[in-house]
Amino acid sequence: MIQPLAKPLDHLLQIMARLRDPASGCEWDRAQNFTSIAPYTIEEAYEVADAIARGDMADLRDELGDLLLQVVFHARMAEEAGDFTFADVAAAICAKLEARHPHIFGDAADTGAETDERQSERWEKLKADEREAAGATSALDGIAQALPALMRAEKLQKRAARQGFDWPDTAGPADKLREEMAELAEADAAHQVEEAGDLLFAAVNLVRAYGIAPEDALRAANAKFERRFRAMEGLAKAESRDFAALTLDEQEALWQAVKCLEHRAKKWEPVFRK
């Protein structure tokens, strides 16, 4: 048993070092590398987001701990390889935050309250300067390949838009979406995947043109579909019917019934709140 140190973070670092000990550590932990651990890191980040979406603070505390463990795990492997330590990781983010907030930590003039647009412009300028200092050769450098495809599409488009490569309104993206729909319909089997990708990319562009975050919009649509589908199954079960055995028309009737129930509930909700 490792005796807890005064600081929980130091204790966590000590536990990780013990787990990775070549002689007495955990066999599974010793066998891991950056590549094998990366999927867990991504999964833990999503679980943090899920706890936030559910408003579950107790679960958020636990999930943040799991995510912190991932940082400690990666840092420990890097330290073993002689690349960097956890302290280096913390120092790097401290330096970055101070550099990106010169109006707070530096000598830049304090211009008072800034608009959201001005803050965004300043932030992006600072990040662009960082990328250039790191040797970037394209405006698209630094957008992680491992991002979910929908999120990465939005980031690629936003970065290109900052270089002036963007439609001025929603008409252009809407026309492009219709064009891509037609091309997918006409594509042969060898080109369907490519055309399907173009269609999704165009859809992201149109949604972005309305000032809506595509990831948020699709997450909401997923939640709505899941809620309604589960309700359809519930209606079928209440009538002692096998949902999967119903015809498409019968399933569609249940879908419309669920939508009607939702609309009624939404209509009467303000009354019940009074």
C-alpha atoms as a PDB file:
ATOM      1  CA  MET A   1       0.000   0.000   0.000  1.00  0.00           C
ATOM      2  CA  ILE A   2       1.344   3.411  -0.970  1.00  0.00           C
ATOM      3  CA  GLN A   3       1.061   5.880   1.874  1.00  0.00           C
ATOM      4  CA  PRO A   4      -0.946   8.907   0.664  1.00  0.00           C
ATOM      5  CA  LEU A   5       1.144  12.025   0.222  1.00  0.00           C
ATOM      6  CA  ALA A   6       0.095  15.455   1.439  1.00  0.00           C
ATOM      7  CA  LYS A   7      -0.953  16.479  -2.060  1.00  0.00           C
ATOM      8  CA  PRO A   8      -3.399  14.201  -3.942  1.00  0.00           C
ATOM      9  CA  LEU A   9      -1.737  14.986  -7.293  1.00  0.00           C
ATOM     10  CA  ASP A  10       1.648  13.889  -5.958  1.00  0.00           C
ATOM     11  CA  HIS A  11      -0.026  10.736  -4.671  1.00  0.00           C
ATOM     12  CA  LEU A  12      -1.502  10.059  -8.108  1.00  0.00           C
ATOM     13  CA  LEU A  13       1.890  10.510  -9.765  1.00  0.00           C
ATOM     14  CA  GLN A  14       3.396   8.108  -7.246  1.00  0.00           C
ATOM     15  CA  ILE A  15       0.690   5.505  -7.910  1.00  0.00           C
ATOM     16  CA  MET A  16       1.279   5.751 -11.666  1.00  0.00           C
ATOM     17  CA  ALA A  17       5.018   5.311 -11.221  1.00  0.00           C
ATOM     18  CA  ARG A  18       4.374   2.213  -9.120  1.00  0.00           C
ATOM     19  CA  LEU A  19       1.964   0.755 -11.664  1.00  0.00           C
ATOM     20  CA  ARG A  20       4.576   1.225 -14.401  1.00  0.00           C
ATOM     21  CA  ASP A  21       7.458  -0.154 -12.327  1.00  0.00           C
ATOM     22  CA  PRO A  22       9.279  -2.732 -14.515  1.00  0.00           C
ATOM     23  CA  ALA A  23       9.803  -5.120 -11.601  1.00  0.00           C
ATOM     24  CA  SER A  24       6.765  -4.771  -9.342  1.00  0.00           C
ATOM     25  CA  GLY A  25       4.190  -2.898 -11.403  1.00  0.00           C
ATOM     26  CA  CYS A  26       0.918  -3.990 -12.967  1.00  0.00           C
ATOM     27  CA  GLU A  27       1.391  -6.231 -16.007  1.00  0.00           C
ATOM     28  CA  TRP A  28      -1.350  -4.453 -17.978  1.00  0.00           C
ATOM     29  CA  ASP A  29      -0.125  -0.934 -17.178  1.00  0.00           C
ATOM     30  CA  ARG A  30       3.476  -1.854 -18.021  1.00  0.00           C
ATOM     31  CA  ALA A  31       2.407  -3.214 -21.407  1.00  0.00           C
ATOM     32  CA  GLN A  32       0.711   0.011 -22.547  1.00  0.00           C
ATOM     33  CA  ASN A  33       2.113   2.654 -24.884  1.00  0.00           C
ATOM     34  CA  PHE A  34       0.905   5.985 -26.255  1.00  0.00           C
ATOM     35  CA  THR A  35      -0.977   4.335 -29.113  1.00  0.00           C
ATOM     36  CA  SER A  36      -2.762   1.760 -26.975  1.00  0.00           C
ATOM     37  CA  ILE A  37      -3.794   4.339 -24.369  1.00  0.00           C
ATOM     38  CA  ALA A  38      -4.980   7.015 -26.831  1.00  0.00           C
ATOM     39  CA  PRO A  39      -8.465   5.470 -27.365  1.00  0.00           C
ATOM     40  CA  TYR A  40      -9.048   5.487 -23.594  1.00  0.00           C
ATOM     41  CA  THR A  41      -8.029   9.134 -23.432  1.00  0.00           C
ATOM     42  CA  ILE A  42     -10.592  10.034 -26.090  1.00  0.00           C
ATOM     43  CA  GLU A  43     -13.263   7.918 -24.382  1.00  0.00           C
ATOM     44  CA  GLU A  44     -12.677   9.603 -21.029  1.00  0.00           C
ATOM     45  CA  ALA A  45     -12.998  13.055 -22.612  1.00  0.00           C
ATOM     46  CA  TYR A  46     -16.382  12.063 -24.037  1.00  0.00           C
ATOM     47  CA  GLU A  47     -17.486  10.722 -20.655  1.00  0.00           C
ATOM     48  CA  VAL A  48     -16.608  14.077 -19.096  1.00  0.00           C
ATOM     49  CA  ALA A  49     -18.773  15.788 -21.722  1.00  0.00           C
ATOM     50  CA  ASP A  50     -21.597  13.321 -21.042  1.00  0.00           C
ATOM     51  CA  ALA A  51     -21.528  14.009 -17.303  1.00  0.00           C
ATOM     52  CA  ILE A  52     -21.698  17.745 -18.013  1.00  0.00           C
ATOM     53  CA  ALA A  53     -24.629  17.274 -20.398  1.00  0.00           C
ATOM     54  CA  ARG A  54     -26.498  15.313 -17.717  1.00  0.00           C
ATOM     55  CA  GLY A  55     -25.676  17.857 -15.027  1.00  0.00           C
ATOM     56  CA  ASP A  56     -24.309  15.090 -12.798  1.00  0.00           C
ATOM     57  CA  MET A  57     -21.660  16.805 -10.665  1.00  0.00           C
ATOM     58  CA  ALA A  58     -20.712  13.686  -8.715  1.00  0.00           C
ATOM     59  CA  ASP A  59     -20.128  11.786 -11.944  1.00  0.00           C
ATOM     60  CA  LEU A  60     -18.284  14.787 -13.411  1.00  0.00           C
ATOM     61  CA  ARG A  61     -15.869  14.719 -10.468  1.00  0.00           C
ATOM     62  CA  ASP A  62     -15.163  11.038 -11.098  1.00  0.00           C
ATOM     63  CA  GLU A  63     -14.850  11.431 -14.861  1.00  0.00           C
ATOM     64  CA  LEU A  64     -12.462  14.360 -14.492  1.00  0.00           C
ATOM     65  CA  GLY A  65     -10.350  12.090 -12.294  1.00  0.00           C
ATOM     66  CA  ASP A  66     -10.357   9.431 -15.005  1.00  0.00           C
ATOM     67  CA  LEU A  67      -9.319  12.041 -17.563  1.00  0.00           C
ATOM     68  CA  LEU A  68      -6.557  13.328 -15.289  1.00  0.00           C
ATOM     69  CA  LEU A  69      -5.287   9.763 -14.988  1.00  0.00           C
ATOM     70  CA  GLN A  70      -4.902   9.677 -18.757  1.00  0.00           C
ATOM     71  CA  VAL A  71      -2.709  12.793 -18.655  1.00  0.00           C
ATOM     72  CA  VAL A  72      -0.629  11.302 -15.850  1.00  0.00           C
ATOM     73  CA  PHE A  73      -0.338   7.988 -17.746  1.00  0.00           C
ATOM     74  CA  HIS A  74       0.950   9.660 -20.913  1.00  0.00           C
ATOM     75  CA  ALA A  75       3.309  11.888 -18.959  1.00  0.00           C
ATOM     76  CA  ARG A  76       4.729   8.901 -17.079  1.00  0.00           C
ATOM     77  CA  MET A  77       5.451   7.014 -20.305  1.00  0.00           C
ATOM     78  CA  ALA A  78       7.122  10.117 -21.730  1.00  0.00           C
ATOM     79  CA  GLU A  79       9.240  10.499 -18.599  1.00  0.00           C
ATOM     80  CA  GLU A  80      10.360   6.878 -18.862  1.00  0.00           C
ATOM     81  CA  ALA A  81      11.422   7.560 -22.461  1.00  0.00           C
ATOM     82  CA  GLY A  82      13.296  10.696 -21.394  1.00  0.00           C
ATOM     83  CA  ASP A  83      11.035  13.016 -23.422  1.00  0.00           C
ATOM     84  CA  PHE A  84       9.263  15.126 -20.779  1.00  0.00           C
ATOM     85  CA  THR A  85       7.660  14.925 -17.329  1.00  0.00           C
ATOM     86  CA  PHE A  86       4.276  15.786 -15.869  1.00  0.00           C
ATOM     87  CA  ALA A  87       5.833  18.983 -14.504  1.00  0.00           C
ATOM     88  CA  ASP A  88       6.858  19.876 -18.068  1.00  0.00           C
ATOM     89  CA  VAL A  89       3.269  19.364 -19.211  1.00  0.00           C
ATOM     90  CA  ALA A  90       1.956  21.673 -16.488  1.00  0.00           C
ATOM     91  CA  ALA A  91       4.653  24.264 -17.194  1.00  0.00           C
ATOM     92  CA  ALA A  92       3.868  24.229 -20.912  1.00  0.00           C
ATOM     93  CA  ILE A  93       0.160  24.910 -20.446  1.00  0.00           C
ATOM     94  CA  CYS A  94       0.912  27.649 -17.913  1.00  0.00           C
ATOM     95  CA  ALA A  95       3.210  29.344 -20.410  1.00  0.00           C
ATOM     96  CA  LYS A  96       0.644  28.978 -23.178  1.00  0.00           C
ATOM     97  CA  LEU A  97      -2.188  30.457 -21.128  1.00  0.00           C
ATOM     98  CA  GLU A  98      -0.090  33.430 -20.087  1.00  0.00           C
ATOM     99  CA  ALA A  99       1.070  34.006 -23.662  1.00  0.00           C
ATOM    100  CA  ARG A 100      -2.509  33.853 -24.973  1.00  0.00           C
ATOM    101  CA  HIS A 101      -3.732  36.359 -22.375  1.00  0.00           C
ATOM    102  CA  PRO A 102      -1.229  39.231 -22.639  1.00  0.00           C
ATOM    103  CA  HIS A 103      -3.945  41.666 -21.540  1.00  0.00           C
ATOM    104  CA  ILE A 104      -4.159  39.768 -18.248  1.00  0.00           C
ATOM    105  CA  PHE A 105      -0.607  38.535 -17.570  1.00  0.00           C
ATOM    106  CA  GLY A 106       1.496  40.721 -19.866  1.00  0.00           C
ATOM    107  CA  ASP A 107       2.208  44.330 -20.636  1.00  0.00           C
ATOM    108  CA  ALA A 108      -0.483  44.733 -23.287  1.00  0.00           C
ATOM    109  CA  ALA A 109      -2.759  47.682 -22.745  1.00  0.00           C
ATOM    110  CA  ASP A 110      -6.002  46.885 -20.969  1.00  0.00           C
ATOM    111  CA  THR A 111      -8.695  48.115 -23.339  1.00  0.00           C
ATOM    112  CA  GLY A 112     -11.495  47.192 -20.986  1.00  0.00           C
ATOM    113  CA  ALA A 113     -14.386  44.937 -21.930  1.00  0.00           C
ATOM    114  CA  GLU A 114     -14.060  43.312 -25.351  1.00  0.00           C
ATOM    115  CA  THR A 115     -16.759  42.073 -27.657  1.00  0.00           C
ATOM    116  CA  ASP A 116     -16.972  38.330 -28.261  1.00  0.00           C
ATOM    117  CA  GLU A 117     -15.892  38.949 -31.845  1.00  0.00           C
ATOM    118  CA  ARG A 118     -12.826  40.916 -30.766  1.00  0.00           C
ATOM    119  CA  GLN A 119     -11.873  38.274 -28.210  1.00  0.00           C
ATOM    120  CA  SER A 120     -12.193  35.566 -30.863  1.00  0.00           C
ATOM    121  CA  GLU A 121     -10.054  37.533 -33.318  1.00  0.00           C
ATOM    122  CA  ARG A 122      -7.329  38.110 -30.732  1.00  0.00           C
ATOM    123  CA  TRP A 123      -7.375  34.458 -29.662  1.00  0.00           C
ATOM    124  CA  GLU A 124      -7.119  33.181 -33.222  1.00  0.00           C
ATOM    125  CA  LYS A 125      -4.302  35.631 -33.996  1.00  0.00           C
ATOM    126  CA  LEU A 126      -2.316  34.385 -31.019  1.00  0.00           C
ATOM    127  CA  LYS A 127      -2.853  30.747 -32.007  1.00  0.00           C
ATOM    128  CA  ALA A 128      -1.892  31.509 -35.612  1.00  0.00           C
ATOM    129  CA  ASP A 129       1.321  33.137 -34.390  1.00  0.00           C
ATOM    130  CA  GLU A 130       2.054  30.021 -32.327  1.00  0.00           C
ATOM    131  CA  ARG A 131       1.530  27.758 -35.341  1.00  0.00           C
ATOM    132  CA  GLU A 132       3.771  29.944 -37.484  1.00  0.00           C
ATOM    133  CA  ALA A 133       6.479  29.884 -34.821  1.00  0.00           C
ATOM    134  CA  ALA A 134       6.204  26.094 -34.791  1.00  0.00           C
ATOM    135  CA  GLY A 135       6.838  25.944 -38.541  1.00  0.00           C
ATOM    136  CA  ALA A 136       3.314  25.792 -39.948  1.00  0.00           C
ATOM    137  CA  THR A 137       3.159  26.058 -43.729  1.00  0.00           C
ATOM    138  CA  SER A 138      -0.637  26.081 -44.176  1.00  0.00           C
ATOM    139  CA  ALA A 139      -3.592  27.775 -42.545  1.00  0.00           C
ATOM    140  CA  LEU A 140      -4.937  24.266 -41.957  1.00  0.00           C
ATOM    141  CA  ASP A 141      -1.926  23.067 -39.950  1.00  0.00           C
ATOM    142  CA  GLY A 142      -2.630  21.999 -36.375  1.00  0.00           C
ATOM    143  CA  ILE A 143      -6.150  20.623 -36.860  1.00  0.00           C
ATOM    144  CA  ALA A 144      -5.926  17.202 -35.241  1.00  0.00           C
ATOM    145  CA  GLN A 145      -6.504  14.217 -37.512  1.00  0.00           C
ATOM    146  CA  ALA A 146      -8.063  12.288 -34.625  1.00  0.00           C
ATOM    147  CA  LEU A 147     -10.986  14.688 -34.183  1.00  0.00           C
ATOM    148  CA  PRO A 148     -14.450  13.306 -34.978  1.00  0.00           C
ATOM    149  CA  ALA A 149     -14.984  13.827 -38.704  1.00  0.00           C
ATOM    150  CA  LEU A 150     -17.930  16.200 -38.244  1.00  0.00           C
ATOM    151  CA  MET A 151     -16.011  18.409 -35.831  1.00  0.00           C
ATOM    152  CA  ARG A 152     -12.894  18.354 -38.008  1.00  0.00           C
ATOM    153  CA  ALA A 153     -14.918  19.360 -41.078  1.00  0.00           C
ATOM    154  CA  GLU A 154     -16.199  22.407 -39.207  1.00  0.00           C
ATOM    155  CA  LYS A 155     -12.711  23.366 -38.047  1.00  0.00           C
ATOM    156  CA  LEU A 156     -11.274  22.995 -41.551  1.00  0.00           C
ATOM    157  CA  GLN A 157     -14.025  25.200 -42.959  1.00  0.00           C
ATOM    158  CA  LYS A 158     -13.631  27.837 -40.242  1.00  0.00           C
ATOM    159  CA  ARG A 159      -9.878  27.976 -40.751  1.00  0.00           C
ATOM    160  CA  ALA A 160     -10.346  28.363 -44.525  1.00  0.00           C
ATOM    161  CA  ALA A 161     -13.010  31.022 -43.939  1.00  0.00           C
ATOM    162  CA  ARG A 162     -10.515  33.123 -41.984  1.00  0.00           C
ATOM    163  CA  GLN A 163      -8.472  33.227 -45.198  1.00  0.00           C
ATOM    164  CA  GLY A 164     -11.493  34.544 -47.102  1.00  0.00           C
ATOM    165  CA  PHE A 165     -12.448  31.186 -48.636  1.00  0.00           C
ATOM    166  CA  ASP A 166     -16.133  31.153 -47.706  1.00  0.00           C
ATOM    167  CA  TRP A 167     -19.571  32.035 -49.035  1.00  0.00           C
ATOM    168  CA  PRO A 168     -20.986  35.384 -47.907  1.00  0.00           C
ATOM    169  CA  ASP A 169     -24.394  33.944 -47.018  1.00  0.00           C
ATOM    170  CA  THR A 170     -26.408  30.710 -46.854  1.00  0.00           C
ATOM    171  CA  ALA A 171     -27.398  30.655 -50.548  1.00  0.00           C
ATOM    172  CA  GLY A 172     -24.045  29.323 -51.758  1.00  0.00           C
ATOM    173  CA  PRO A 173     -23.812  26.436 -49.269  1.00  0.00           C
ATOM    174  CA  ALA A 174     -27.467  25.548 -49.898  1.00  0.00           C
ATOM    175  CA  ASP A 175     -26.885  25.306 -53.654  1.00  0.00           C
ATOM    176  CA  LYS A 176     -23.761  23.250 -53.045  1.00  0.00           C
ATOM    177  CA  LEU A 177     -25.683  20.843 -50.841  1.00  0.00           C
ATOM    178  CA  ARG A 178     -28.293  20.296 -53.541  1.00  0.00           C
ATOM    179  CA  GLU A 179     -25.517  19.755 -56.083  1.00  0.00           C
ATOM    180  CA  GLU A 180     -23.850  17.132 -53.881  1.00  0.00           C
ATOM    181  CA  MET A 181     -27.176  15.341 -53.317  1.00  0.00           C
ATOM    182  CA  ALA A 182     -27.615  15.031 -57.081  1.00  0.00           C
ATOM    183  CA  GLU A 183     -24.054  13.809 -57.552  1.00  0.00           C
ATOM    184  CA  LEU A 184     -24.491  11.115 -54.910  1.00  0.00           C
ATOM    185  CA  ALA A 185     -27.713   9.953 -56.559  1.00  0.00           C
ATOM    186  CA  GLU A 186     -25.911   9.642 -59.894  1.00  0.00           C
ATOM    187  CA  ALA A 187     -22.644   8.147 -58.598  1.00  0.00           C
ATOM    188  CA  ASP A 188     -21.608   4.599 -59.420  1.00  0.00           C
ATOM    189  CA  ALA A 189     -20.572   2.195 -56.665  1.00  0.00           C
ATOM    190  CA  ALA A 190     -16.890   3.099 -56.982  1.00  0.00           C
ATOM    191  CA  HIS A 191     -17.549   6.782 -56.236  1.00  0.00           C
ATOM    192  CA  GLN A 192     -20.436   6.651 -53.744  1.00  0.00           C
ATOM    193  CA  VAL A 193     -18.240   6.921 -50.651  1.00  0.00           C
ATOM    194  CA  GLU A 194     -16.485   9.982 -52.062  1.00  0.00           C
ATOM    195  CA  GLU A 195     -19.743  11.643 -53.047  1.00  0.00           C
ATOM    196  CA  ALA A 196     -21.333  10.788 -49.683  1.00  0.00           C
ATOM    197  CA  GLY A 197     -18.403  12.495 -47.976  1.00  0.00           C
ATOM    198  CA  ASP A 198     -18.820  15.565 -50.173  1.00  0.00           C
ATOM    199  CA  LEU A 199     -22.508  15.657 -49.250  1.00  0.00           C
ATOM    200  CA  LEU A 200     -21.789  15.535 -45.519  1.00  0.00           C
ATOM    201  CA  PHE A 201     -19.047  18.156 -45.840  1.00  0.00           C
ATOM    202  CA  ALA A 202     -21.472  20.436 -47.704  1.00  0.00           C
ATOM    203  CA  ALA A 203     -24.113  19.886 -45.014  1.00  0.00           C
ATOM    204  CA  VAL A 204     -21.632  20.989 -42.349  1.00  0.00           C
ATOM    205  CA  ASN A 205     -20.882  24.100 -44.382  1.00  0.00           C
ATOM    206  CA  LEU A 206     -24.560  25.019 -44.670  1.00  0.00           C
ATOM    207  CA  VAL A 207     -25.230  24.512 -40.967  1.00  0.00           C
ATOM    208  CA  ARG A 208     -22.138  26.567 -40.131  1.00  0.00           C
ATOM    209  CA  ALA A 209     -23.398  29.361 -42.400  1.00  0.00           C
ATOM    210  CA  TYR A 210     -26.431  29.661 -40.118  1.00  0.00           C
ATOM    211  CA  GLY A 211     -24.107  30.156 -37.140  1.00  0.00           C
ATOM    212  CA  ILE A 212     -24.931  26.738 -35.700  1.00  0.00           C
ATOM    213  CA  ALA A 213     -22.307  24.310 -34.390  1.00  0.00           C
ATOM    214  CA  PRO A 214     -22.823  21.127 -36.474  1.00  0.00           C
ATOM    215  CA  GLU A 215     -21.682  18.851 -33.642  1.00  0.00           C
ATOM    216  CA  ASP A 216     -24.245  20.367 -31.256  1.00  0.00           C
ATOM    217  CA  ALA A 217     -26.994  20.186 -33.872  1.00  0.00           C
ATOM    218  CA  LEU A 218     -26.342  16.536 -34.691  1.00  0.00           C
ATOM    219  CA  ARG A 219     -26.046  15.605 -31.021  1.00  0.00           C
ATOM    220  CA  ALA A 220     -29.469  17.164 -30.418  1.00  0.00           C
ATOM    221  CA  ALA A 221     -30.898  15.342 -33.441  1.00  0.00           C
ATOM    222  CA  ASN A 222     -29.473  12.041 -32.171  1.00  0.00           C
ATOM    223  CA  ALA A 223     -31.061  12.605 -28.776  1.00  0.00           C
ATOM    224  CA  LYS A 224     -34.420  13.458 -30.355  1.00  0.00           C
ATOM    225  CA  PHE A 225     -34.376  10.395 -32.599  1.00  0.00           C
ATOM    226  CA  GLU A 226     -33.433   8.112 -29.714  1.00  0.00           C
ATOM    227  CA  ARG A 227     -36.167   9.585 -27.504  1.00  0.00           C
ATOM    228  CA  ARG A 228     -38.811   9.192 -30.175  1.00  0.00           C
ATOM    229  CA  PHE A 229     -37.722   5.707 -31.223  1.00  0.00           C
ATOM    230  CA  ARG A 230     -37.821   4.476 -27.625  1.00  0.00           C
ATOM    231  CA  ALA A 231     -41.285   6.015 -27.291  1.00  0.00           C
ATOM    232  CA  MET A 232     -42.412   4.183 -30.441  1.00  0.00           C
ATOM    233  CA  GLU A 233     -41.200   0.912 -28.963  1.00  0.00           C
ATOM    234  CA  GLY A 234     -43.071   1.767 -25.769  1.00  0.00           C
ATOM    235  CA  LEU A 235     -46.337   2.383 -27.620  1.00  0.00           C
ATOM    236  CA  ALA A 236     -46.011  -0.899 -29.501  1.00  0.00           C
ATOM    237  CA  LYS A 237     -45.272  -2.784 -26.292  1.00  0.00           C
ATOM    238  CA  ALA A 238     -48.267  -1.185 -24.558  1.00  0.00           C
ATOM    239  CA  GLU A 239     -50.433  -2.582 -27.362  1.00  0.00           C
ATOM    240  CA  SER A 240     -48.740  -6.020 -27.099  1.00  0.00           C
ATOM    241  CA  ARG A 241     -47.299  -5.636 -30.585  1.00  0.00           C
ATOM    242  CA  ASP A 242     -43.830  -6.655 -31.765  1.00  0.00           C
ATOM    243  CA  PHE A 243     -42.336  -3.425 -33.069  1.00  0.00           C
ATOM    244  CA  ALA A 244     -39.927  -5.158 -35.453  1.00  0.00           C
ATOM    245  CA  ALA A 245     -42.785  -7.150 -36.984  1.00  0.00           C
ATOM    246  CA  LEU A 246     -44.823  -4.061 -37.858  1.00  0.00           C
ATOM    247  CA  THR A 247     -44.978  -2.806 -41.413  1.00  0.00           C
ATOM    248  CA  LEU A 248     -43.196   0.414 -42.278  1.00  0.00           C
ATOM    249  CA  ASP A 249     -46.567   2.179 -42.513  1.00  0.00           C
ATOM    250  CA  GLU A 250     -47.499   0.953 -39.030  1.00  0.00           C
ATOM    251  CA  GLN A 251     -44.146   2.085 -37.643  1.00  0.00           C
ATOM    252  CA  GLU A 252     -44.593   5.468 -39.340  1.00  0.00           C
ATOM    253  CA  ALA A 253     -47.993   5.785 -37.686  1.00  0.00           C
ATOM    254  CA  LEU A 254     -46.334   5.240 -34.299  1.00  0.00           C
ATOM    255  CA  TRP A 255     -43.683   7.828 -35.187  1.00  0.00           C
ATOM    256  CA  GLN A 256     -46.365  10.405 -35.971  1.00  0.00           C
ATOM    257  CA  ALA A 257     -48.210   9.509 -32.772  1.00  0.00           C
ATOM    258  CA  VAL A 258     -45.068  10.120 -30.720  1.00  0.00           C
ATOM    259  CA  LYS A 259     -44.489  13.468 -32.438  1.00  0.00           C
ATOM    260  CA  CYS A 260     -48.091  14.447 -31.710  1.00  0.00           C
ATOM    261  CA  LEU A 261     -47.695  13.528 -28.039  1.00  0.00           C
ATOM    262  CA  GLU A 262     -44.503  15.583 -27.820  1.00  0.00           C
ATOM    263  CA  HIS A 263     -46.157  18.605 -29.408  1.00  0.00           C
ATOM    264  CA  ARG A 264     -49.080  18.381 -27.000  1.00  0.00           C
ATOM    265  CA  ALA A 265     -46.749  18.114 -24.018  1.00  0.00           C
ATOM    266  CA  LYS A 266     -44.757  21.112 -25.232  1.00  0.00           C
ATOM    267  CA  LYS A 267     -47.933  23.111 -25.776  1.00  0.00           C
ATOM    268  CA  TRP A 268     -49.220  22.470 -22.258  1.00  0.00           C
ATOM    269  CA  GLU A 269     -45.871  22.743 -20.477  1.00  0.00           C
ATOM    270  CA  PRO A 270     -46.156  26.513 -19.748  1.00  0.00           C
ATOM    271  CA  VAL A 271     -49.588  25.908 -18.187  1.00  0.00           C
ATOM    272  CA  PHE A 272     -48.232  23.268 -15.819  1.00  0.00           C
ATOM    273  CA  ARG A 273     -45.374  25.541 -14.783  1.00  0.00           C
ATOM    274  CA  LYS A 274     -47.673  28.305 -13.598  1.00  0.00           C
END
